[in-house]
């Protein structure tokens, strides 16, 4: 598989992670350039990892799958949060409603659920004994591309973005993720709950379930027939069921259950998954 790691130069975390990737693995110049910067390549297991560097903000890298040929895109980048909590996170991008930070209105990007699960497990293994929270995040922001893609991020301020330890953890996470075959998992879409997926993190970490698209409580008002269809179709693997943060469905619970039933989508509460 050809994997494109997109590093953006306005991004402290991305540059930090790139620096650590070059230290922990043997990337070499391909002889090609992208936006005037050498493209780097490393063969890992059955995969080829390429590093492309751009001056464009990651959320604005619209349609980069038309500029770069790859099977999977990964954006190692910054995470911003008002809370200021130190975090290392994984998520797919897309907009359940209006596109306020890149991407397109009501358009999701293909979520490689199984690969994201492995990446989160590796991230947790390497980062659990640090002062970083290791979390998944819900589907949010841009850019819009039509190939499978995910973000892996350092948060939430400049101190963390430049932290050598955080950069090394994510660099090693990426190398470890692509150094082995991706196992088979049951695959679900996630509905409800908070932005950092407290109810889903345990399941992704400890069970045989991988999650693709996740729509949080604050976006459930946008989750209708069309977005359900996209959530299923824009998860790379076949979706086996919907996973519900039961208490995190709020006032939308009955409508969401009716929508799932009408579309013959099986669903389980998070507490039912062991």
Protein backbone atom coordinates (compact mmCIF):
# COMPACT_ATOMS: atom_id res chain seq x y z
CA UNK A 1 0.00 0.00 0.00
CA UNK A 2 1.20 3.49 -0.84
CA UNK A 3 0.80 5.87 2.10
CA UNK A 4 1.20 9.64 1.82
CA UNK A 5 2.16 11.50 4.99
CA UNK A 6 1.29 15.16 4.42
CA UNK A 7 3.40 17.58 6.47
CA UNK A 8 2.48 21.25 6.46
CA UNK A 9 5.20 23.82 7.09
CA UNK A 10 3.01 26.30 9.01
CA UNK A 11 2.47 23.49 11.51
CA UNK A 12 4.86 23.08 14.48
CA UNK A 13 3.60 19.60 15.34
CA UNK A 14 3.85 18.37 11.76
CA UNK A 15 7.45 19.55 11.46
CA UNK A 16 8.26 18.02 14.86
CA UNK A 17 6.82 14.67 13.77
CA UNK A 18 8.64 14.80 10.43
CA UNK A 19 11.94 15.43 12.22
CA UNK A 20 11.38 12.42 14.48
CA UNK A 21 10.31 10.19 11.56
CA UNK A 22 13.63 10.88 9.88
CA UNK A 23 15.45 9.93 13.09
CA UNK A 24 13.58 6.71 13.88
CA UNK A 25 13.43 5.31 10.33
CA UNK A 26 15.50 5.37 7.16
CA UNK A 27 13.67 7.69 4.76
CA UNK A 28 15.47 8.52 1.52
CA UNK A 29 14.96 11.10 -1.20
CA UNK A 30 13.03 9.83 -4.21
CA UNK A 31 14.50 12.36 -6.62
CA UNK A 32 11.10 14.02 -6.96
CA UNK A 33 9.93 17.28 -5.41
CA UNK A 34 6.55 18.49 -4.18
CA UNK A 35 6.14 22.25 -3.96
CA UNK A 36 9.92 22.57 -4.16
CA UNK A 37 10.65 20.19 -1.27
CA UNK A 38 12.16 16.70 -1.79
CA UNK A 39 9.72 13.81 -1.49
CA UNK A 40 10.99 11.19 0.96
CA UNK A 41 10.29 7.45 0.90
CA UNK A 42 10.67 4.42 3.16
CA UNK A 43 9.68 0.80 2.60
CA UNK A 44 8.02 -0.69 5.67
CA UNK A 45 6.64 -4.25 5.69
CA UNK A 46 4.46 -4.41 2.55
CA UNK A 47 3.93 -0.64 2.55
CA UNK A 48 5.63 2.35 0.99
CA UNK A 49 5.56 5.53 3.09
CA UNK A 50 6.08 8.85 1.35
CA UNK A 51 6.54 12.21 3.06
CA UNK A 52 5.17 15.20 1.15
CA UNK A 53 5.72 18.71 2.51
CA UNK A 54 3.38 21.59 1.67
CA UNK A 55 2.95 25.26 2.58
CA UNK A 56 -0.82 24.82 2.78
CA UNK A 57 -2.58 24.42 6.14
CA UNK A 58 -3.69 20.82 6.57
CA UNK A 59 -7.40 21.68 6.78
CA UNK A 60 -7.10 23.49 3.44
CA UNK A 61 -5.42 20.64 1.54
CA UNK A 62 -8.55 20.12 -0.55
CA UNK A 63 -8.45 17.35 -3.18
CA UNK A 64 -4.81 16.48 -2.49
CA UNK A 65 -5.67 12.99 -3.68
CA UNK A 66 -5.82 14.57 -7.15
CA UNK A 67 -2.27 15.91 -6.71
CA UNK A 68 -0.66 12.95 -4.94
CA UNK A 69 -1.15 9.33 -5.91
CA UNK A 70 -1.62 7.21 -2.79
CA UNK A 71 -3.93 4.58 -1.29
CA UNK A 72 -4.03 6.26 2.13
CA UNK A 73 -3.40 9.81 3.33
CA UNK A 74 -2.24 10.69 6.85
CA UNK A 75 -1.96 14.20 8.29
CA UNK A 76 0.37 14.38 11.32
CA UNK A 77 -0.52 17.78 12.71
CA UNK A 78 -1.52 20.10 15.55
CA UNK A 79 -4.62 19.88 17.69
CA UNK A 80 -6.05 23.04 19.20
CA UNK A 81 -8.38 23.09 22.20
CA UNK A 82 -9.58 25.83 24.52
CA UNK A 83 -9.11 23.44 27.44
CA UNK A 84 -5.35 23.42 26.89
CA UNK A 85 -5.26 19.72 27.84
CA UNK A 86 -2.22 17.82 26.59
CA UNK A 87 -3.43 15.23 24.10
CA UNK A 88 -2.40 12.83 21.37
CA UNK A 89 -5.32 11.93 19.14
CA UNK A 90 -6.59 10.12 16.05
CA UNK A 91 -9.60 10.94 13.88
CA UNK A 92 -10.99 11.04 10.36
CA UNK A 93 -12.09 14.32 8.86
CA UNK A 94 -15.44 15.41 7.45
CA UNK A 95 -18.34 17.74 8.16
CA UNK A 96 -21.74 16.62 9.47
CA UNK A 97 -23.09 20.10 8.79
CA UNK A 98 -21.64 23.38 7.57
CA UNK A 99 -17.94 23.36 6.68
CA UNK A 100 -16.44 25.87 9.12
CA UNK A 101 -12.82 24.67 9.02
CA UNK A 102 -12.08 23.26 5.58
CA UNK A 103 -13.80 20.49 3.69
CA UNK A 104 -17.28 20.65 2.20
CA UNK A 105 -20.72 21.09 3.74
CA UNK A 106 -22.20 17.73 4.78
CA UNK A 107 -19.43 15.69 3.19
CA UNK A 108 -17.42 12.94 4.91
CA UNK A 109 -14.03 11.51 3.96
CA UNK A 110 -13.43 7.72 3.75
CA UNK A 111 -12.50 6.43 7.21
CA UNK A 112 -9.99 3.54 7.38
CA UNK A 113 -11.49 2.19 10.60
CA UNK A 114 -9.17 -0.78 11.11
CA UNK A 115 -5.97 1.18 10.47
CA UNK A 116 -7.14 3.98 12.78
CA UNK A 117 -7.83 1.41 15.49
CA UNK A 118 -4.32 -0.02 15.20
CA UNK A 119 -2.86 3.50 15.21
CA UNK A 120 -4.79 4.37 18.36
CA UNK A 121 -3.67 1.16 20.08
CA UNK A 122 -0.03 1.88 19.20
CA UNK A 123 -0.40 5.51 20.28
CA UNK A 124 -1.86 4.45 23.61
CA UNK A 125 0.87 1.87 24.17
CA UNK A 126 3.60 4.45 23.63
CA UNK A 127 1.92 7.42 25.30
CA UNK A 128 -0.03 6.00 28.24
CA UNK A 129 2.67 6.72 30.82
CA UNK A 130 3.15 10.35 29.79
CA UNK A 131 1.14 13.42 30.81
CA UNK A 132 -0.78 13.30 27.53
CA UNK A 133 -4.38 12.13 27.24
CA UNK A 134 -4.56 9.50 24.47
CA UNK A 135 -7.91 9.86 22.74
CA UNK A 136 -9.92 9.37 19.60
CA UNK A 137 -11.84 12.31 18.25
CA UNK A 138 -15.09 12.48 16.32
CA UNK A 139 -15.31 13.13 12.59
CA UNK A 140 -14.68 16.85 12.06
CA UNK A 141 -13.12 19.59 9.85
CA UNK A 142 -11.45 19.39 6.43
CA UNK A 143 -9.87 18.86 4.04
CA UNK A 144 -12.15 16.99 1.66
CA UNK A 145 -10.47 14.20 -0.26
CA UNK A 146 -11.91 11.05 -1.76
CA UNK A 147 -9.25 8.58 -0.62
CA UNK A 148 -9.05 7.01 2.87
CA UNK A 149 -7.45 9.41 5.30
CA UNK A 150 -6.92 10.19 8.97
CA UNK A 151 -5.34 12.80 11.21
CA UNK A 152 -2.95 12.04 14.06
CA UNK A 153 -2.39 15.07 16.27
CA UNK A 154 -0.47 16.68 19.12
CA UNK A 155 -2.43 19.07 21.35
CA UNK A 156 -3.10 21.57 22.50
CA UNK A 157 -0.58 24.46 22.56
CA UNK A 158 2.79 25.42 21.10
CA UNK A 159 4.68 23.85 24.00
CA UNK A 160 3.17 20.44 23.22
CA UNK A 161 3.39 20.85 19.43
CA UNK A 162 7.16 21.29 19.76
CA UNK A 163 7.62 18.63 22.46
CA UNK A 164 10.26 16.12 21.19
CA UNK A 165 8.66 13.31 23.19
CA UNK A 166 5.24 13.84 21.59
CA UNK A 167 6.81 13.99 18.14
CA UNK A 168 8.72 10.78 18.75
CA UNK A 169 5.62 8.98 20.07
CA UNK A 170 3.63 9.80 16.95
CA UNK A 171 6.55 8.99 14.64
CA UNK A 172 6.95 5.57 16.26
CA UNK A 173 3.17 5.08 16.22
CA UNK A 174 3.11 5.54 12.45
CA UNK A 175 6.07 3.23 11.87
CA UNK A 176 4.60 0.54 14.15
CA UNK A 177 1.14 0.82 12.57
CA UNK A 178 2.45 0.20 9.08
CA UNK A 179 5.03 -2.43 10.07
CA UNK A 180 2.46 -5.24 10.23
CA UNK A 181 -0.66 -6.58 8.60
CA UNK A 182 -3.87 -4.91 9.76
CA UNK A 183 -6.09 -7.48 11.55
CA UNK A 184 -9.75 -8.08 10.80
CA UNK A 185 -12.15 -6.30 13.17
CA UNK A 186 -15.86 -5.85 13.49
CA UNK A 187 -16.59 -2.34 12.24
CA UNK A 188 -19.11 0.20 13.51
CA UNK A 189 -20.11 3.81 13.16
CA UNK A 190 -20.33 5.72 16.44
CA UNK A 191 -23.21 7.98 17.47
CA UNK A 192 -23.45 10.34 20.43
CA UNK A 193 -21.17 11.41 23.23
CA UNK A 194 -18.40 13.94 23.57
CA UNK A 195 -15.76 15.21 21.14
CA UNK A 196 -12.94 13.10 22.60
CA UNK A 197 -14.99 9.90 22.58
CA UNK A 198 -14.71 8.81 26.24
CA UNK A 199 -17.30 6.07 25.72
CA UNK A 200 -15.70 4.80 22.52
CA UNK A 201 -12.01 4.92 23.48
CA UNK A 202 -12.23 1.80 25.65
CA UNK A 203 -13.93 -0.14 22.88
CA UNK A 204 -11.37 0.86 20.26
CA UNK A 205 -8.53 0.04 22.65
CA UNK A 206 -9.73 -3.20 24.25
CA UNK A 207 -12.24 -5.01 22.01
CA UNK A 208 -12.42 -6.40 18.47
CA UNK A 209 -14.48 -3.42 17.27
CA UNK A 210 -13.08 -0.64 15.08
CA UNK A 211 -14.95 2.62 14.55
CA UNK A 212 -15.10 4.58 11.32
CA UNK A 213 -17.25 7.71 11.25
CA UNK A 214 -18.27 9.12 14.65
CA UNK A 215 -21.02 11.73 15.02
CA UNK A 216 -21.01 13.40 18.46
CA UNK A 217 -23.99 14.60 20.45
CA UNK A 218 -23.41 18.21 19.40
CA UNK A 219 -23.85 17.25 15.73
CA UNK A 220 -26.71 14.74 15.97
CA UNK A 221 -29.21 17.35 14.74
CA UNK A 222 -27.39 17.08 11.38
CA UNK A 223 -27.50 13.27 11.36
CA UNK A 224 -30.29 12.41 8.94
CA UNK A 225 -30.94 9.82 6.22
CA UNK A 226 -28.28 11.28 3.92
CA UNK A 227 -25.60 11.47 6.61
CA UNK A 228 -26.37 7.94 7.80
CA UNK A 229 -25.88 6.74 4.23
CA UNK A 230 -22.58 8.61 4.01
CA UNK A 231 -21.41 7.33 7.41
CA UNK A 232 -21.83 3.77 6.16
CA UNK A 233 -20.53 4.32 2.63
CA UNK A 234 -17.60 6.49 3.78
CA UNK A 235 -16.27 3.87 6.15
CA UNK A 236 -13.74 1.84 4.17
CA UNK A 237 -14.78 -1.51 5.60
CA UNK A 238 -18.28 -2.96 5.62
CA UNK A 239 -20.15 -1.51 8.60
CA UNK A 240 -21.55 -4.24 10.84
CA UNK A 241 -23.56 -2.05 13.22
CA UNK A 242 -23.96 1.34 14.86
CA UNK A 243 -22.49 1.84 18.32
CA UNK A 244 -24.47 4.16 20.57
CA UNK A 245 -23.28 6.28 23.46
CA UNK A 246 -26.71 5.79 25.02
CA UNK A 247 -26.63 8.65 27.51
CA UNK A 248 -24.84 10.78 24.95
CA UNK A 249 -27.71 10.72 22.46
CA UNK A 250 -29.68 13.27 24.47
CA UNK A 251 -32.93 14.58 23.03
CA UNK A 252 -32.15 13.00 19.63
CA UNK A 253 -32.33 9.43 20.96
CA UNK A 254 -35.80 8.44 19.70
CA UNK A 255 -35.25 10.01 16.29
CA UNK A 256 -31.87 8.31 15.88
CA UNK A 257 -33.29 4.91 16.87
CA UNK A 258 -36.13 5.31 14.39
CA UNK A 259 -33.67 6.29 11.66
CA UNK A 260 -31.51 3.23 12.32
CA UNK A 261 -34.51 0.89 12.46
CA UNK A 262 -36.00 2.28 9.25
CA UNK A 263 -32.70 1.62 7.49
CA UNK A 264 -32.28 -1.85 9.04
CA UNK A 265 -29.02 -0.88 10.77
CA UNK A 266 -28.28 -3.03 13.81
CA UNK A 267 -27.16 -1.12 16.88
CA UNK A 268 -25.68 -1.76 20.30
CA UNK A 269 -25.08 0.34 23.38
CA UNK A 270 -21.43 0.78 24.29
CA UNK A 271 -21.95 -1.17 27.53
CA UNK A 272 -23.00 -4.21 25.46
CA UNK A 273 -19.58 -4.45 23.80
CA UNK A 274 -17.07 -6.40 25.87
